[in-house]
C-alpha atoms as a PDB file:
ATOM      1  CA  ALA A   1      76.633  37.885 -48.829  1.00  0.00           C
ATOM      2  CA  PHE A   2      74.366  35.200 -50.324  1.00  0.00           C
ATOM      3  CA  TRP A   3      73.682  33.331 -47.072  1.00  0.00           C
ATOM      4  CA  GLN A   4      73.359  36.599 -45.183  1.00  0.00           C
ATOM      5  CA  ASN A   5      70.650  37.800 -47.593  1.00  0.00           C
ATOM      6  CA  ILE A   6      68.785  34.487 -47.679  1.00  0.00           C
ATOM      7  CA  SER A   7      68.920  34.205 -43.889  1.00  0.00           C
ATOM      8  CA  GLY A   8      67.523  37.703 -43.496  1.00  0.00           C
ATOM      9  CA  GLU A   9      64.690  37.020 -45.917  1.00  0.00           C
ATOM     10  CA  HIS A  10      63.695  33.965 -43.877  1.00  0.00           C
ATOM     11  CA  GLY A  11      64.042  35.647 -40.468  1.00  0.00           C
ATOM     12  CA  LEU A  12      67.157  33.757 -39.359  1.00  0.00           C
ATOM     13  CA  ASP A  13      69.979  35.239 -37.320  1.00  0.00           C
ATOM     14  CA  SER A  14      73.671  34.462 -37.905  1.00  0.00           C
ATOM     15  CA  ASN A  15      73.375  31.272 -35.826  1.00  0.00           C
ATOM     16  CA  GLY A  16      70.431  29.942 -37.826  1.00  0.00           C
ATOM     17  CA  VAL A  17      67.826  30.630 -35.138  1.00  0.00           C
ATOM     18  CA  TYR A  18      64.432  31.741 -36.415  1.00  0.00           C
ATOM     19  CA  ASN A  19      63.515  35.174 -35.067  1.00  0.00           C
ATOM     20  CA  GLY A  20      61.099  36.131 -37.803  1.00  0.00           C
ATOM     21  CA  THR A  21      57.734  37.771 -37.491  1.00  0.00           C
ATOM     22  CA  SER A  22      55.818  36.398 -40.463  1.00  0.00           C
ATOM     23  CA  GLU A  23      54.549  33.002 -41.543  1.00  0.00           C
ATOM     24  CA  LEU A  24      55.685  33.948 -45.047  1.00  0.00           C
ATOM     25  CA  GLN A  25      59.295  33.724 -43.872  1.00  0.00           C
ATOM     26  CA  LEU A  26      58.801  30.046 -43.052  1.00  0.00           C
ATOM     27  CA  GLU A  27      57.359  29.215 -46.462  1.00  0.00           C
ATOM     28  CA  ARG A  28      59.840  27.471 -48.729  1.00  0.00           C
ATOM     29  CA  MET A  29      62.427  27.463 -45.927  1.00  0.00           C
ATOM     30  CA  SER A  30      63.384  23.932 -46.994  1.00  0.00           C
ATOM     31  CA  VAL A  31      64.649  25.185 -50.368  1.00  0.00           C
ATOM     32  CA  TYR A  32      67.813  26.516 -48.711  1.00  0.00           C
ATOM     33  CA  PHE A  33      67.729  25.214 -45.121  1.00  0.00           C
ATOM     34  CA  ASN A  34      67.207  22.034 -43.106  1.00  0.00           C
ATOM     35  CA  GLU A  35      65.731  22.269 -39.621  1.00  0.00           C
ATOM     36  CA  ALA A  36      68.376  20.987 -37.202  1.00  0.00           C
ATOM     37  CA  SER A  37      66.552  21.240 -33.863  1.00  0.00           C
ATOM     38  CA  GLY A  38      63.870  23.466 -32.487  1.00  0.00           C
ATOM     39  CA  ASN A  39      63.958  26.759 -34.342  1.00  0.00           C
ATOM     40  CA  LYS A  40      67.543  26.329 -35.597  1.00  0.00           C
ATOM     41  CA  TYR A  41      68.162  25.939 -39.319  1.00  0.00           C
ATOM     42  CA  VAL A  42      71.329  25.046 -41.245  1.00  0.00           C
ATOM     43  CA  PRO A  43      72.075  25.680 -44.920  1.00  0.00           C
ATOM     44  CA  ARG A  44      71.614  22.865 -47.398  1.00  0.00           C
ATOM     45  CA  ALA A  45      75.140  23.369 -48.691  1.00  0.00           C
ATOM     46  CA  VAL A  46      78.527  21.710 -48.984  1.00  0.00           C
ATOM     47  CA  LEU A  47      81.493  24.068 -49.038  1.00  0.00           C
ATOM     48  CA  VAL A  48      84.461  22.661 -50.984  1.00  0.00           C
ATOM     49  CA  ASP A  49      87.957  24.061 -51.510  1.00  0.00           C
ATOM     50  CA  LEU A  50      91.503  22.749 -51.820  1.00  0.00           C
ATOM     51  CA  GLU A  51      92.733  25.427 -49.423  1.00  0.00           C
ATOM     52  CA  PRO A  52      91.856  24.876 -45.726  1.00  0.00           C
ATOM     53  CA  GLY A  53      92.497  28.555 -44.957  1.00  0.00           C
ATOM     54  CA  THR A  54      89.506  29.568 -47.048  1.00  0.00           C
ATOM     55  CA  MET A  55      87.218  27.466 -44.882  1.00  0.00           C
ATOM     56  CA  ASP A  56      88.735  28.985 -41.746  1.00  0.00           C
ATOM     57  CA  ALA A  57      87.847  32.434 -43.087  1.00  0.00           C
ATOM     58  CA  VAL A  58      84.231  31.342 -43.655  1.00  0.00           C
ATOM     59  CA  ARG A  59      83.995  29.853 -40.143  1.00  0.00           C
ATOM     60  CA  ALA A  60      85.421  33.036 -38.607  1.00  0.00           C
ATOM     61  CA  GLY A  61      83.033  35.259 -40.582  1.00  0.00           C
ATOM     62  CA  PRO A  62      79.753  36.676 -39.315  1.00  0.00           C
ATOM     63  CA  PHE A  63      77.743  33.680 -40.587  1.00  0.00           C
ATOM     64  CA  GLY A  64      80.336  30.974 -39.858  1.00  0.00           C
ATOM     65  CA  GLN A  65      78.195  29.418 -37.115  1.00  0.00           C
ATOM     66  CA  LEU A  66      75.358  28.937 -39.578  1.00  0.00           C
ATOM     67  CA  PHE A  67      77.042  25.925 -41.225  1.00  0.00           C
ATOM     68  CA  ARG A  68      77.496  22.406 -39.892  1.00  0.00           C
ATOM     69  CA  PRO A  69      81.181  21.540 -39.395  1.00  0.00           C
ATOM     70  CA  ASP A  70      80.836  18.364 -41.464  1.00  0.00           C
ATOM     71  CA  ASN A  71      79.637  20.397 -44.471  1.00  0.00           C
ATOM     72  CA  PHE A  72      83.161  21.782 -44.954  1.00  0.00           C
ATOM     73  CA  VAL A  73      85.279  19.672 -47.330  1.00  0.00           C
ATOM     74  CA  PHE A  74      88.859  20.759 -47.957  1.00  0.00           C
ATOM     75  CA  GLY A  75      92.283  19.453 -48.906  1.00  0.00           C
ATOM     76  CA  GLN A  76      95.316  19.438 -46.665  1.00  0.00           C
ATOM     77  CA  SER A  77      97.360  21.674 -48.942  1.00  0.00           C
ATOM     78  CA  GLY A  78      96.508  24.495 -51.292  1.00  0.00           C
ATOM     79  CA  ALA A  79      96.399  24.327 -55.065  1.00  0.00           C
ATOM     80  CA  GLY A  80      99.349  26.718 -55.463  1.00  0.00           C
ATOM     81  CA  ASN A  81     102.575  25.473 -57.000  1.00  0.00           C
END
């Protein structure tokens, strides 16, 4: 929900491509996003969890393509006993 809202405010689609209509949407873009190439932006975020399944759920979600694959850090086994 967070990245979906922030992306919408800055005119980005679920792949990080800028489709906005206002110069105001580009202001302060670098607070949350880095420009990857052309009009594509990626979140300035590292996603960390001990459970790899959680990261799979994020990748499969509607904004999963927004993140760089190397920004996912996870363990090989869950934290459950």
